Amino acid sequence: MAAPGEQHWPDGAFLDVALSAVRTEERQGCIERLEAFVEQHRARLEELLHAYGPGSRPASHGR
């Protein structure tokens, strides 16, 4: 995971993809809710990213 204020996708492409899954009427406040979720679950998300993200053993097998 990127440190707070650092982005893996600085062009915002990831956010565009994530928001495309959210209904238009539900988008207001979505970014703030996502930020709050990440802050609340940062340790677990970092653990999962380390275990399964880029450079991990499963990722090296294309999964």
PDB file of N, CA and C in Angstrom:
ATOM      1  N   MET A   1       0.841  -1.177   0.000  1.00  0.00           N
ATOM      2  CA  MET A   1       0.000   0.000   0.000  1.00  0.00           C
ATOM      3  C   MET A   1       0.876   1.226   0.000  1.00  0.00           C
ATOM      4  N   ALA A   2       0.379   2.199  -0.628  1.00  0.00           N
ATOM      5  CA  ALA A   2       1.093   3.474  -0.646  1.00  0.00           C
ATOM      6  C   ALA A   2       0.937   4.154   0.708  1.00  0.00           C
ATOM      7  N   ALA A   3       1.938   4.899   1.070  1.00  0.00           N
ATOM      8  CA  ALA A   3       1.840   5.693   2.297  1.00  0.00           C
ATOM      9  C   ALA A   3       0.767   6.757   2.104  1.00  0.00           C
ATOM     10  N   PRO A   4       0.190   7.250   3.194  1.00  0.00           N
ATOM     11  CA  PRO A   4      -0.798   8.318   3.040  1.00  0.00           C
ATOM     12  C   PRO A   4      -0.218   9.458   2.203  1.00  0.00           C
ATOM     13  N   GLY A   5      -0.978   9.901   1.226  1.00  0.00           N
ATOM     14  CA  GLY A   5      -0.529  10.972   0.353  1.00  0.00           C
ATOM     15  C   GLY A   5       0.237  10.498  -0.873  1.00  0.00           C
ATOM     16  N   GLU A   6       0.648   9.228  -0.893  1.00  0.00           N
ATOM     17  CA  GLU A   6       1.354   8.660  -2.041  1.00  0.00           C
ATOM     18  C   GLU A   6       0.379   7.763  -2.792  1.00  0.00           C
ATOM     19  N   GLN A   7       0.425   7.794  -4.111  1.00  0.00           N
ATOM     20  CA  GLN A   7      -0.507   7.003  -4.903  1.00  0.00           C
ATOM     21  C   GLN A   7       0.240   6.044  -5.814  1.00  0.00           C
ATOM     22  N   HIS A   8      -0.262   4.799  -5.896  1.00  0.00           N
ATOM     23  CA  HIS A   8       0.294   3.849  -6.858  1.00  0.00           C
ATOM     24  C   HIS A   8      -0.132   4.230  -8.272  1.00  0.00           C
ATOM     25  N   TRP A   9      -1.301   4.848  -8.390  1.00  0.00           N
ATOM     26  CA  TRP A   9      -1.848   5.274  -9.676  1.00  0.00           C
ATOM     27  C   TRP A   9      -2.053   6.779  -9.619  1.00  0.00           C
ATOM     28  N   PRO A  10      -0.984   7.564  -9.761  1.00  0.00           N
ATOM     29  CA  PRO A  10      -1.102   9.015  -9.599  1.00  0.00           C
ATOM     30  C   PRO A  10      -2.026   9.680 -10.610  1.00  0.00           C
ATOM     31  N   ASP A  11      -2.310   9.020 -11.728  1.00  0.00           N
ATOM     32  CA  ASP A  11      -3.195   9.639 -12.717  1.00  0.00           C
ATOM     33  C   ASP A  11      -4.666   9.476 -12.355  1.00  0.00           C
ATOM     34  N   GLY A  12      -4.965   8.758 -11.271  1.00  0.00           N
ATOM     35  CA  GLY A  12      -6.347   8.600 -10.828  1.00  0.00           C
ATOM     36  C   GLY A  12      -7.084   7.475 -11.528  1.00  0.00           C
ATOM     37  N   ALA A  13      -6.409   6.701 -12.368  1.00  0.00           N
ATOM     38  CA  ALA A  13      -7.072   5.641 -13.127  1.00  0.00           C
ATOM     39  C   ALA A  13      -7.746   4.624 -12.207  1.00  0.00           C
ATOM     40  N   PHE A  14      -7.107   4.272 -11.107  1.00  0.00           N
ATOM     41  CA  PHE A  14      -7.699   3.285 -10.204  1.00  0.00           C
ATOM     42  C   PHE A  14      -9.004   3.800  -9.618  1.00  0.00           C
ATOM     43  N   LEU A  15      -9.008   5.055  -9.217  1.00  0.00           N
ATOM     44  CA  LEU A  15     -10.217   5.637  -8.639  1.00  0.00           C
ATOM     45  C   LEU A  15     -11.345   5.648  -9.663  1.00  0.00           C
ATOM     46  N   ASP A  16     -11.026   5.953 -10.911  1.00  0.00           N
ATOM     47  CA  ASP A  16     -12.042   5.930 -11.966  1.00  0.00           C
ATOM     48  C   ASP A  16     -12.652   4.540 -12.100  1.00  0.00           C
ATOM     49  N   VAL A  17     -11.810   3.513 -12.059  1.00  0.00           N
ATOM     50  CA  VAL A  17     -12.295   2.135 -12.169  1.00  0.00           C
ATOM     51  C   VAL A  17     -13.134   1.777 -10.949  1.00  0.00           C
ATOM     52  N   ALA A  18     -12.647   2.118  -9.765  1.00  0.00           N
ATOM     53  CA  ALA A  18     -13.389   1.803  -8.536  1.00  0.00           C
ATOM     54  C   ALA A  18     -14.747   2.489  -8.525  1.00  0.00           C
ATOM     55  N   LEU A  19     -14.791   3.753  -8.904  1.00  0.00           N
ATOM     56  CA  LEU A  19     -16.056   4.491  -8.892  1.00  0.00           C
ATOM     57  C   LEU A  19     -17.007   4.028  -9.984  1.00  0.00           C
ATOM     58  N   SER A  20     -16.499   3.397 -11.022  1.00  0.00           N
ATOM     59  CA  SER A  20     -17.385   2.905 -12.080  1.00  0.00           C
ATOM     60  C   SER A  20     -18.292   1.793 -11.569  1.00  0.00           C
ATOM     61  N   ALA A  21     -17.920   1.178 -10.450  1.00  0.00           N
ATOM     62  CA  ALA A  21     -18.736   0.118  -9.859  1.00  0.00           C
ATOM     63  C   ALA A  21     -19.781   0.662  -8.883  1.00  0.00           C
ATOM     64  N   VAL A  22     -19.783   1.974  -8.679  1.00  0.00           N
ATOM     65  CA  VAL A  22     -20.697   2.608  -7.720  1.00  0.00           C
ATOM     66  C   VAL A  22     -21.776   3.369  -8.489  1.00  0.00           C
ATOM     67  N   ARG A  23     -23.028   3.179  -8.088  1.00  0.00           N
ATOM     68  CA  ARG A  23     -24.118   3.908  -8.735  1.00  0.00           C
ATOM     69  C   ARG A  23     -23.912   5.405  -8.573  1.00  0.00           C
ATOM     70  N   THR A  24     -24.312   6.144  -9.590  1.00  0.00           N
ATOM     71  CA  THR A  24     -24.145   7.599  -9.589  1.00  0.00           C
ATOM     72  C   THR A  24     -24.731   8.223  -8.333  1.00  0.00           C
ATOM     73  N   GLU A  25     -25.912   7.789  -7.929  1.00  0.00           N
ATOM     74  CA  GLU A  25     -26.569   8.375  -6.762  1.00  0.00           C
ATOM     75  C   GLU A  25     -25.874   8.020  -5.445  1.00  0.00           C
ATOM     76  N   GLU A  26     -24.959   7.056  -5.468  1.00  0.00           N
ATOM     77  CA  GLU A  26     -24.235   6.652  -4.259  1.00  0.00           C
ATOM     78  C   GLU A  26     -22.810   7.203  -4.217  1.00  0.00           C
ATOM     79  N   ARG A  27     -22.400   7.919  -5.252  1.00  0.00           N
ATOM     80  CA  ARG A  27     -21.004   8.370  -5.342  1.00  0.00           C
ATOM     81  C   ARG A  27     -20.644   9.490  -4.388  1.00  0.00           C
ATOM     82  N   GLN A  28     -21.594  10.319  -4.025  1.00  0.00           N
ATOM     83  CA  GLN A  28     -21.266  11.429  -3.128  1.00  0.00           C
ATOM     84  C   GLN A  28     -20.729  10.875  -1.809  1.00  0.00           C
ATOM     85  N   GLY A  29     -19.563  11.293  -1.432  1.00  0.00           N
ATOM     86  CA  GLY A  29     -18.939  10.847  -0.193  1.00  0.00           C
ATOM     87  C   GLY A  29     -18.203   9.527  -0.311  1.00  0.00           C
ATOM     88  N   CYS A  30     -18.233   8.914  -1.495  1.00  0.00           N
ATOM     89  CA  CYS A  30     -17.607   7.604  -1.674  1.00  0.00           C
ATOM     90  C   CYS A  30     -16.100   7.664  -1.431  1.00  0.00           C
ATOM     91  N   ILE A  31     -15.442   8.675  -1.951  1.00  0.00           N
ATOM     92  CA  ILE A  31     -13.993   8.790  -1.777  1.00  0.00           C
ATOM     93  C   ILE A  31     -13.647   8.915  -0.300  1.00  0.00           C
ATOM     94  N   GLU A  32     -14.406   9.716   0.417  1.00  0.00           N
ATOM     95  CA  GLU A  32     -14.158   9.883   1.850  1.00  0.00           C
ATOM     96  C   GLU A  32     -14.382   8.571   2.599  1.00  0.00           C
ATOM     97  N   ARG A  33     -15.407   7.817   2.216  1.00  0.00           N
ATOM     98  CA  ARG A  33     -15.657   6.517   2.867  1.00  0.00           C
ATOM     99  C   ARG A  33     -14.534   5.532   2.565  1.00  0.00           C
ATOM    100  N   LEU A  34     -14.039   5.548   1.328  1.00  0.00           N
ATOM    101  CA  LEU A  34     -12.914   4.679   0.983  1.00  0.00           C
ATOM    102  C   LEU A  34     -11.670   5.052   1.784  1.00  0.00           C
ATOM    103  N   GLU A  35     -11.404   6.342   1.912  1.00  0.00           N
ATOM    104  CA  GLU A  35     -10.249   6.786   2.698  1.00  0.00           C
ATOM    105  C   GLU A  35     -10.382   6.354   4.151  1.00  0.00           C
ATOM    106  N   ALA A  36     -11.577   6.488   4.718  1.00  0.00           N
ATOM    107  CA  ALA A  36     -11.811   6.086   6.108  1.00  0.00           C
ATOM    108  C   ALA A  36     -11.620   4.579   6.267  1.00  0.00           C
ATOM    109  N   PHE A  37     -12.104   3.811   5.288  1.00  0.00           N
ATOM    110  CA  PHE A  37     -11.953   2.357   5.328  1.00  0.00           C
ATOM    111  C   PHE A  37     -10.479   1.975   5.324  1.00  0.00           C
ATOM    112  N   VAL A  38      -9.706   2.611   4.440  1.00  0.00           N
ATOM    113  CA  VAL A  38      -8.280   2.303   4.355  1.00  0.00           C
ATOM    114  C   VAL A  38      -7.581   2.637   5.667  1.00  0.00           C
ATOM    115  N   GLU A  39      -7.891   3.777   6.236  1.00  0.00           N
ATOM    116  CA  GLU A  39      -7.258   4.148   7.502  1.00  0.00           C
ATOM    117  C   GLU A  39      -7.614   3.158   8.608  1.00  0.00           C
ATOM    118  N   GLN A  40      -8.856   2.720   8.644  1.00  0.00           N
ATOM    119  CA  GLN A  40      -9.296   1.788   9.686  1.00  0.00           C
ATOM    120  C   GLN A  40      -8.668   0.406   9.509  1.00  0.00           C
ATOM    121  N   HIS A  41      -8.448  -0.004   8.272  1.00  0.00           N
ATOM    122  CA  HIS A  41      -7.991  -1.371   7.993  1.00  0.00           C
ATOM    123  C   HIS A  41      -6.601  -1.415   7.364  1.00  0.00           C
ATOM    124  N   ARG A  42      -5.838  -0.349   7.505  1.00  0.00           N
ATOM    125  CA  ARG A  42      -4.538  -0.235   6.836  1.00  0.00           C
ATOM    126  C   ARG A  42      -3.628  -1.435   7.115  1.00  0.00           C
ATOM    127  N   ALA A  43      -3.500  -1.860   8.342  1.00  0.00           N
ATOM    128  CA  ALA A  43      -2.579  -2.954   8.673  1.00  0.00           C
ATOM    129  C   ALA A  43      -2.961  -4.234   7.930  1.00  0.00           C
ATOM    130  N   ARG A  44      -4.229  -4.566   7.926  1.00  0.00           N
ATOM    131  CA  ARG A  44      -4.682  -5.789   7.242  1.00  0.00           C
ATOM    132  C   ARG A  44      -4.520  -5.662   5.725  1.00  0.00           C
ATOM    133  N   LEU A  45      -4.836  -4.503   5.175  1.00  0.00           N
ATOM    134  CA  LEU A  45      -4.677  -4.293   3.740  1.00  0.00           C
ATOM    135  C   LEU A  45      -3.209  -4.394   3.331  1.00  0.00           C
ATOM    136  N   GLU A  46      -2.314  -3.860   4.154  1.00  0.00           N
ATOM    137  CA  GLU A  46      -0.882  -3.963   3.864  1.00  0.00           C
ATOM    138  C   GLU A  46      -0.435  -5.418   3.902  1.00  0.00           C
ATOM    139  N   GLU A  47      -0.944  -6.166   4.872  1.00  0.00           N
ATOM    140  CA  GLU A  47      -0.611  -7.586   4.992  1.00  0.00           C
ATOM    141  C   GLU A  47      -1.067  -8.349   3.745  1.00  0.00           C
ATOM    142  N   LEU A  48      -2.292  -8.083   3.296  1.00  0.00           N
ATOM    143  CA  LEU A  48      -2.819  -8.755   2.110  1.00  0.00           C
ATOM    144  C   LEU A  48      -2.056  -8.357   0.851  1.00  0.00           C
ATOM    145  N   LEU A  49      -1.719  -7.091   0.732  1.00  0.00           N
ATOM    146  CA  LEU A  49      -0.964  -6.634  -0.428  1.00  0.00           C
ATOM    147  C   LEU A  49       0.412  -7.288  -0.457  1.00  0.00           C
ATOM    148  N   HIS A  50       1.033  -7.394   0.706  1.00  0.00           N
ATOM    149  CA  HIS A  50       2.345  -8.035   0.780  1.00  0.00           C
ATOM    150  C   HIS A  50       2.234  -9.515   0.403  1.00  0.00           C
ATOM    151  N   ALA A  51       1.188 -10.181   0.879  1.00  0.00           N
ATOM    152  CA  ALA A  51       1.022 -11.612   0.638  1.00  0.00           C
ATOM    153  C   ALA A  51       0.603 -11.934  -0.792  1.00  0.00           C
ATOM    154  N   TYR A  52      -0.221 -11.070  -1.392  1.00  0.00           N
ATOM    155  CA  TYR A  52      -0.813 -11.399  -2.690  1.00  0.00           C
ATOM    156  C   TYR A  52      -0.570 -10.371  -3.790  1.00  0.00           C
ATOM    157  N   GLY A  53       0.027  -9.239  -3.464  1.00  0.00           N
ATOM    158  CA  GLY A  53       0.212  -8.163  -4.438  1.00  0.00           C
ATOM    159  C   GLY A  53       1.441  -8.349  -5.312  1.00  0.00           C
ATOM    160  N   PRO A  54       1.795  -7.304  -6.050  1.00  0.00           N
ATOM    161  CA  PRO A  54       2.955  -7.364  -6.939  1.00  0.00           C
ATOM    162  C   PRO A  54       4.205  -7.818  -6.199  1.00  0.00           C
ATOM    163  N   GLY A  55       4.919  -8.753  -6.805  1.00  0.00           N
ATOM    164  CA  GLY A  55       6.136  -9.276  -6.208  1.00  0.00           C
ATOM    165  C   GLY A  55       5.913 -10.439  -5.257  1.00  0.00           C
ATOM    166  N   SER A  56       4.655 -10.765  -4.962  1.00  0.00           N
ATOM    167  CA  SER A  56       4.365 -11.878  -4.058  1.00  0.00           C
ATOM    168  C   SER A  56       4.500 -13.207  -4.796  1.00  0.00           C
ATOM    169  N   ARG A  57       4.543 -14.265  -4.047  1.00  0.00           N
ATOM    170  CA  ARG A  57       4.650 -15.593  -4.643  1.00  0.00           C
ATOM    171  C   ARG A  57       3.461 -15.905  -5.557  1.00  0.00           C
ATOM    172  N   PRO A  58       2.203 -15.690  -5.101  1.00  0.00           N
ATOM    173  CA  PRO A  58       1.082 -15.949  -6.017  1.00  0.00           C
ATOM    174  C   PRO A  58       1.143 -15.086  -7.280  1.00  0.00           C
ATOM    175  N   ALA A  59       1.559 -13.840  -7.145  1.00  0.00           N
ATOM    176  CA  ALA A  59       1.619 -12.951  -8.309  1.00  0.00           C
ATOM    177  C   ALA A  59       2.663 -13.425  -9.314  1.00  0.00           C
ATOM    178  N   SER A  60       3.701 -14.072  -8.828  1.00  0.00           N
ATOM    179  CA  SER A  60       4.741 -14.553  -9.739  1.00  0.00           C
ATOM    180  C   SER A  60       4.235 -15.679 -10.628  1.00  0.00           C
ATOM    181  N   HIS A  61       3.108 -16.285 -10.234  1.00  0.00           N
ATOM    182  CA  HIS A  61       2.496 -17.354 -11.030  1.00  0.00           C
ATOM    183  C   HIS A  61       1.345 -16.835 -11.874  1.00  0.00           C
ATOM    184  N   GLY A  62       1.159 -15.524 -11.873  1.00  0.00           N
ATOM    185  CA  GLY A  62       0.108 -14.935 -12.690  1.00  0.00           C
ATOM    186  C   GLY A  62      -1.273 -15.046 -12.102  1.00  0.00           C
ATOM    187  N   ARG A  63      -1.358 -15.221 -10.794  1.00  0.00           N
ATOM    188  CA  ARG A  63      -2.666 -15.347 -10.146  1.00  0.00           C
ATOM    189  C   ARG A  63      -2.896 -14.188  -9.232  1.00  0.00           C
TER     190      ARG A  63
END
